[in-house]
């Protein structure tokens, strides 16, 4: 798995993922509270630096070396 997510996008994904997960813990008693747990996906892809749909579509946002 080669990295296919650039630096800024990785940071953005981690921030969005953490915000969604924090929203679950702050407001976790609603009818659709499980949707906040979808924040795990951007958090994981941001930490790992690899996005499966990007790999399938041939997208790479990493800086060129």
PDB file of N, CA and C in Angstrom:
ATOM      1  N   UNK A   1       0.832  -1.172   0.000  1.00  0.00           N
ATOM      2  CA  UNK A   1       0.000   0.000   0.000  1.00  0.00           C
ATOM      3  C   UNK A   1       0.885   1.246   0.000  1.00  0.00           C
ATOM      4  N   UNK A   2       0.965   1.888  -1.105  1.00  0.00           N
ATOM      5  CA  UNK A   2       1.702   3.142  -1.160  1.00  0.00           C
ATOM      6  C   UNK A   2       0.755   4.276  -0.783  1.00  0.00           C
ATOM      7  N   UNK A   3       1.278   5.269  -0.146  1.00  0.00           N
ATOM      8  CA  UNK A   3       0.470   6.397   0.304  1.00  0.00           C
ATOM      9  C   UNK A   3      -0.091   7.144  -0.906  1.00  0.00           C
ATOM     10  N   UNK A   4      -1.367   7.491  -0.833  1.00  0.00           N
ATOM     11  CA  UNK A   4      -1.985   8.228  -1.927  1.00  0.00           C
ATOM     12  C   UNK A   4      -2.757   9.455  -1.441  1.00  0.00           C
ATOM     13  N   UNK A   5      -2.515   9.853  -0.176  1.00  0.00           N
ATOM     14  CA  UNK A   5      -3.165  11.034   0.386  1.00  0.00           C
ATOM     15  C   UNK A   5      -2.079  12.009   0.817  1.00  0.00           C
ATOM     16  N   UNK A   6      -2.167  13.245   0.338  1.00  0.00           N
ATOM     17  CA  UNK A   6      -1.180  14.270   0.652  1.00  0.00           C
ATOM     18  C   UNK A   6      -1.310  14.813   2.066  1.00  0.00           C
ATOM     19  N   UNK A   7      -0.348  15.641   2.463  1.00  0.00           N
ATOM     20  CA  UNK A   7      -0.245  16.146   3.820  1.00  0.00           C
ATOM     21  C   UNK A   7      -1.451  16.936   4.300  1.00  0.00           C
ATOM     22  N   UNK A   8      -1.873  17.942   3.534  1.00  0.00           N
ATOM     23  CA  UNK A   8      -3.008  18.765   3.957  1.00  0.00           C
ATOM     24  C   UNK A   8      -4.280  17.933   4.061  1.00  0.00           C
ATOM     25  N   UNK A   9      -4.491  17.077   3.100  1.00  0.00           N
ATOM     26  CA  UNK A   9      -5.702  16.252   3.109  1.00  0.00           C
ATOM     27  C   UNK A   9      -5.692  15.273   4.281  1.00  0.00           C
ATOM     28  N   UNK A  10      -4.521  14.762   4.623  1.00  0.00           N
ATOM     29  CA  UNK A  10      -4.424  13.860   5.773  1.00  0.00           C
ATOM     30  C   UNK A  10      -4.827  14.573   7.052  1.00  0.00           C
ATOM     31  N   UNK A  11      -4.306  15.784   7.229  1.00  0.00           N
ATOM     32  CA  UNK A  11      -4.645  16.564   8.428  1.00  0.00           C
ATOM     33  C   UNK A  11      -6.141  16.856   8.454  1.00  0.00           C
ATOM     34  N   UNK A  12      -6.690  17.230   7.324  1.00  0.00           N
ATOM     35  CA  UNK A  12      -8.121  17.535   7.232  1.00  0.00           C
ATOM     36  C   UNK A  12      -8.968  16.311   7.574  1.00  0.00           C
ATOM     37  N   UNK A  13      -8.580  15.166   7.069  1.00  0.00           N
ATOM     38  CA  UNK A  13      -9.324  13.937   7.352  1.00  0.00           C
ATOM     39  C   UNK A  13      -9.281  13.591   8.837  1.00  0.00           C
ATOM     40  N   UNK A  14      -8.115  13.746   9.452  1.00  0.00           N
ATOM     41  CA  UNK A  14      -7.993  13.444  10.879  1.00  0.00           C
ATOM     42  C   UNK A  14      -8.857  14.402  11.692  1.00  0.00           C
ATOM     43  N   UNK A  15      -8.834  15.678  11.359  1.00  0.00           N
ATOM     44  CA  UNK A  15      -9.626  16.666  12.097  1.00  0.00           C
ATOM     45  C   UNK A  15     -11.125  16.378  11.945  1.00  0.00           C
ATOM     46  N   UNK A  16     -11.569  16.102  10.733  1.00  0.00           N
ATOM     47  CA  UNK A  16     -12.986  15.810  10.495  1.00  0.00           C
ATOM     48  C   UNK A  16     -13.390  14.521  11.217  1.00  0.00           C
ATOM     49  N   UNK A  17     -12.552  13.518  11.149  1.00  0.00           N
ATOM     50  CA  UNK A  17     -12.844  12.255  11.832  1.00  0.00           C
ATOM     51  C   UNK A  17     -12.947  12.432  13.334  1.00  0.00           C
ATOM     52  N   UNK A  18     -12.008  13.165  13.919  1.00  0.00           N
ATOM     53  CA  UNK A  18     -12.050  13.403  15.359  1.00  0.00           C
ATOM     54  C   UNK A  18     -13.267  14.242  15.754  1.00  0.00           C
ATOM     55  N   UNK A  19     -13.634  15.206  14.912  1.00  0.00           N
ATOM     56  CA  UNK A  19     -14.811  16.037  15.199  1.00  0.00           C
ATOM     57  C   UNK A  19     -16.086  15.194  15.185  1.00  0.00           C
ATOM     58  N   UNK A  20     -16.205  14.294  14.224  1.00  0.00           N
ATOM     59  CA  UNK A  20     -17.395  13.442  14.167  1.00  0.00           C
ATOM     60  C   UNK A  20     -17.462  12.490  15.360  1.00  0.00           C
ATOM     61  N   UNK A  21     -16.336  11.926  15.735  1.00  0.00           N
ATOM     62  CA  UNK A  21     -16.316  11.020  16.880  1.00  0.00           C
ATOM     63  C   UNK A  21     -16.610  11.784  18.168  1.00  0.00           C
ATOM     64  N   UNK A  22     -16.071  12.991  18.296  1.00  0.00           N
ATOM     65  CA  UNK A  22     -16.376  13.821  19.462  1.00  0.00           C
ATOM     66  C   UNK A  22     -17.861  14.167  19.498  1.00  0.00           C
ATOM     67  N   UNK A  23     -18.451  14.409  18.335  1.00  0.00           N
ATOM     68  CA  UNK A  23     -19.883  14.680  18.260  1.00  0.00           C
ATOM     69  C   UNK A  23     -20.704  13.510  18.770  1.00  0.00           C
ATOM     70  N   UNK A  24     -20.236  12.311  18.530  1.00  0.00           N
ATOM     71  CA  UNK A  24     -20.934  11.127  19.039  1.00  0.00           C
ATOM     72  C   UNK A  24     -20.947  11.124  20.560  1.00  0.00           C
ATOM     73  N   UNK A  25     -19.796  11.424  21.158  1.00  0.00           N
ATOM     74  CA  UNK A  25     -19.724  11.389  22.613  1.00  0.00           C
ATOM     75  C   UNK A  25     -20.430  12.574  23.262  1.00  0.00           C
ATOM     76  N   UNK A  26     -20.541  13.678  22.560  1.00  0.00           N
ATOM     77  CA  UNK A  26     -21.239  14.843  23.112  1.00  0.00           C
ATOM     78  C   UNK A  26     -22.750  14.751  22.927  1.00  0.00           C
ATOM     79  N   UNK A  27     -23.170  14.109  21.845  1.00  0.00           N
ATOM     80  CA  UNK A  27     -24.584  14.100  21.491  1.00  0.00           C
ATOM     81  C   UNK A  27     -24.987  12.693  21.078  1.00  0.00           C
ATOM     82  N   UNK A  28     -24.586  11.693  21.826  1.00  0.00           N
ATOM     83  CA  UNK A  28     -24.763  10.307  21.419  1.00  0.00           C
ATOM     84  C   UNK A  28     -26.104   9.680  21.722  1.00  0.00           C
ATOM     85  N   UNK A  29     -27.099  10.442  22.143  1.00  0.00           N
ATOM     86  CA  UNK A  29     -28.369   9.834  22.506  1.00  0.00           C
ATOM     87  C   UNK A  29     -29.476  10.055  21.469  1.00  0.00           C
ATOM     88  N   UNK A  30     -29.130  10.599  20.314  1.00  0.00           N
ATOM     89  CA  UNK A  30     -30.128  10.868  19.281  1.00  0.00           C
ATOM     90  C   UNK A  30     -30.455   9.633  18.461  1.00  0.00           C
ATOM     91  N   UNK A  31     -31.448   9.766  17.595  1.00  0.00           N
ATOM     92  CA  UNK A  31     -31.898   8.646  16.782  1.00  0.00           C
ATOM     93  C   UNK A  31     -30.836   8.212  15.768  1.00  0.00           C
ATOM     94  N   UNK A  32     -30.088   9.165  15.241  1.00  0.00           N
ATOM     95  CA  UNK A  32     -29.077   8.844  14.240  1.00  0.00           C
ATOM     96  C   UNK A  32     -27.669   9.052  14.774  1.00  0.00           C
ATOM     97  N   UNK A  33     -27.480   8.819  16.048  1.00  0.00           N
ATOM     98  CA  UNK A  33     -26.173   9.076  16.661  1.00  0.00           C
ATOM     99  C   UNK A  33     -25.088   8.163  16.097  1.00  0.00           C
ATOM    100  N   UNK A  34     -25.456   7.019  15.577  1.00  0.00           N
ATOM    101  CA  UNK A  34     -24.467   6.096  15.022  1.00  0.00           C
ATOM    102  C   UNK A  34     -23.772   6.680  13.799  1.00  0.00           C
ATOM    103  N   UNK A  35     -24.390   7.661  13.156  1.00  0.00           N
ATOM    104  CA  UNK A  35     -23.770   8.278  11.979  1.00  0.00           C
ATOM    105  C   UNK A  35     -22.472   8.992  12.332  1.00  0.00           C
ATOM    106  N   UNK A  36     -22.382   9.491  13.567  1.00  0.00           N
ATOM    107  CA  UNK A  36     -21.142  10.135  14.000  1.00  0.00           C
ATOM    108  C   UNK A  36     -19.975   9.158  13.968  1.00  0.00           C
ATOM    109  N   UNK A  37     -20.270   7.886  14.180  1.00  0.00           N
ATOM    110  CA  UNK A  37     -19.204   6.886  14.187  1.00  0.00           C
ATOM    111  C   UNK A  37     -18.593   6.673  12.808  1.00  0.00           C
ATOM    112  N   UNK A  38     -19.215   7.217  11.773  1.00  0.00           N
ATOM    113  CA  UNK A  38     -18.600   7.165  10.446  1.00  0.00           C
ATOM    114  C   UNK A  38     -17.312   7.980  10.411  1.00  0.00           C
ATOM    115  N   UNK A  39     -17.082   8.782  11.431  1.00  0.00           N
ATOM    116  CA  UNK A  39     -15.834   9.532  11.544  1.00  0.00           C
ATOM    117  C   UNK A  39     -14.621   8.627  11.652  1.00  0.00           C
ATOM    118  N   UNK A  40     -14.828   7.365  11.953  1.00  0.00           N
ATOM    119  CA  UNK A  40     -13.723   6.410  12.021  1.00  0.00           C
ATOM    120  C   UNK A  40     -13.067   6.256  10.655  1.00  0.00           C
ATOM    121  N   UNK A  41     -13.853   6.340   9.590  1.00  0.00           N
ATOM    122  CA  UNK A  41     -13.324   6.152   8.233  1.00  0.00           C
ATOM    123  C   UNK A  41     -12.324   7.255   7.847  1.00  0.00           C
ATOM    124  N   UNK A  42     -12.705   8.553   7.924  1.00  0.00           N
ATOM    125  CA  UNK A  42     -11.701   9.564   7.577  1.00  0.00           C
ATOM    126  C   UNK A  42     -10.533   9.591   8.552  1.00  0.00           C
ATOM    127  N   UNK A  43     -10.786   9.273   9.821  1.00  0.00           N
ATOM    128  CA  UNK A  43      -9.700   9.232  10.792  1.00  0.00           C
ATOM    129  C   UNK A  43      -8.699   8.147  10.418  1.00  0.00           C
ATOM    130  N   UNK A  44      -9.179   6.964  10.105  1.00  0.00           N
ATOM    131  CA  UNK A  44      -8.288   5.852   9.757  1.00  0.00           C
ATOM    132  C   UNK A  44      -7.523   6.122   8.462  1.00  0.00           C
ATOM    133  N   UNK A  45      -8.206   6.624   7.440  1.00  0.00           N
ATOM    134  CA  UNK A  45      -7.513   6.883   6.174  1.00  0.00           C
ATOM    135  C   UNK A  45      -6.517   8.023   6.316  1.00  0.00           C
ATOM    136  N   UNK A  46      -6.827   9.000   7.167  1.00  0.00           N
ATOM    137  CA  UNK A  46      -5.889  10.089   7.400  1.00  0.00           C
ATOM    138  C   UNK A  46      -4.651   9.636   8.145  1.00  0.00           C
ATOM    139  N   UNK A  47      -4.825   8.778   9.121  1.00  0.00           N
ATOM    140  CA  UNK A  47      -3.686   8.275   9.891  1.00  0.00           C
ATOM    141  C   UNK A  47      -2.817   7.356   9.040  1.00  0.00           C
ATOM    142  N   UNK A  48      -3.451   6.475   8.282  1.00  0.00           N
ATOM    143  CA  UNK A  48      -2.711   5.520   7.452  1.00  0.00           C
ATOM    144  C   UNK A  48      -2.094   6.207   6.234  1.00  0.00           C
ATOM    145  N   UNK A  49      -2.804   7.171   5.657  1.00  0.00           N
ATOM    146  CA  UNK A  49      -2.308   7.859   4.470  1.00  0.00           C
ATOM    147  C   UNK A  49      -2.664   7.157   3.176  1.00  0.00           C
ATOM    148  N   UNK A  50      -3.586   6.215   3.253  1.00  0.00           N
ATOM    149  CA  UNK A  50      -3.990   5.454   2.068  1.00  0.00           C
ATOM    150  C   UNK A  50      -5.504   5.354   2.028  1.00  0.00           C
ATOM    151  N   UNK A  51      -6.083   5.634   0.879  1.00  0.00           N
ATOM    152  CA  UNK A  51      -7.535   5.601   0.701  1.00  0.00           C
ATOM    153  C   UNK A  51      -7.860   4.579  -0.390  1.00  0.00           C
ATOM    154  N   UNK A  52      -8.613   3.512  -0.062  1.00  0.00           N
ATOM    155  CA  UNK A  52      -8.931   2.491  -1.057  1.00  0.00           C
ATOM    156  C   UNK A  52      -9.643   3.018  -2.301  1.00  0.00           C
ATOM    157  N   UNK A  53     -10.662   3.893  -2.178  1.00  0.00           N
ATOM    158  CA  UNK A  53     -11.287   4.397  -3.414  1.00  0.00           C
ATOM    159  C   UNK A  53     -10.308   5.189  -4.280  1.00  0.00           C
ATOM    160  N   UNK A  54      -9.411   5.949  -3.651  1.00  0.00           N
ATOM    161  CA  UNK A  54      -8.397   6.665  -4.423  1.00  0.00           C
ATOM    162  C   UNK A  54      -7.523   5.671  -5.194  1.00  0.00           C
ATOM    163  N   UNK A  55      -7.162   4.575  -4.556  1.00  0.00           N
ATOM    164  CA  UNK A  55      -6.325   3.563  -5.209  1.00  0.00           C
ATOM    165  C   UNK A  55      -7.052   2.950  -6.408  1.00  0.00           C
ATOM    166  N   UNK A  56      -8.338   2.675  -6.251  1.00  0.00           N
ATOM    167  CA  UNK A  56      -9.115   2.072  -7.342  1.00  0.00           C
ATOM    168  C   UNK A  56      -9.275   3.036  -8.508  1.00  0.00           C
ATOM    169  N   UNK A  57      -9.396   4.332  -8.207  1.00  0.00           N
ATOM    170  CA  UNK A  57      -9.604   5.332  -9.248  1.00  0.00           C
ATOM    171  C   UNK A  57      -8.302   5.922  -9.769  1.00  0.00           C
ATOM    172  N   UNK A  58      -7.174   5.559  -9.177  1.00  0.00           N
ATOM    173  CA  UNK A  58      -5.884   6.065  -9.630  1.00  0.00           C
ATOM    174  C   UNK A  58      -5.607   7.490  -9.198  1.00  0.00           C
ATOM    175  N   UNK A  59      -6.226   7.941  -8.128  1.00  0.00           N
ATOM    176  CA  UNK A  59      -6.022   9.308  -7.628  1.00  0.00           C
ATOM    177  C   UNK A  59      -4.888   9.300  -6.617  1.00  0.00           C
ATOM    178  N   UNK A  60      -4.023  10.294  -6.707  1.00  0.00           N
ATOM    179  CA  UNK A  60      -2.920  10.435  -5.765  1.00  0.00           C
ATOM    180  C   UNK A  60      -2.734  11.914  -5.477  1.00  0.00           C
ATOM    181  N   UNK A  61      -2.933  12.325  -4.232  1.00  0.00           N
ATOM    182  CA  UNK A  61      -2.781  13.729  -3.862  1.00  0.00           C
ATOM    183  C   UNK A  61      -1.473  14.009  -3.142  1.00  0.00           C
ATOM    184  N   UNK A  62      -0.579  13.024  -3.120  1.00  0.00           N
ATOM    185  CA  UNK A  62       0.727  13.242  -2.497  1.00  0.00           C
ATOM    186  C   UNK A  62       1.558  14.176  -3.389  1.00  0.00           C
ATOM    187  N   UNK A  63       2.467  14.895  -2.740  1.00  0.00           N
ATOM    188  CA  UNK A  63       3.358  15.782  -3.496  1.00  0.00           C
ATOM    189  C   UNK A  63       4.290  14.935  -4.368  1.00  0.00           C
ATOM    190  N   UNK A  64       4.558  15.415  -5.564  1.00  0.00           N
ATOM    191  CA  UNK A  64       5.453  14.682  -6.458  1.00  0.00           C
ATOM    192  C   UNK A  64       6.884  14.823  -5.986  1.00  0.00           C
ATOM    193  N   UNK A  65       7.619  13.741  -6.049  1.00  0.00           N
ATOM    194  CA  UNK A  65       9.011  13.738  -5.589  1.00  0.00           C
ATOM    195  C   UNK A  65       9.949  14.093  -6.687  1.00  0.00           C
TER     196      UNK A  65
END
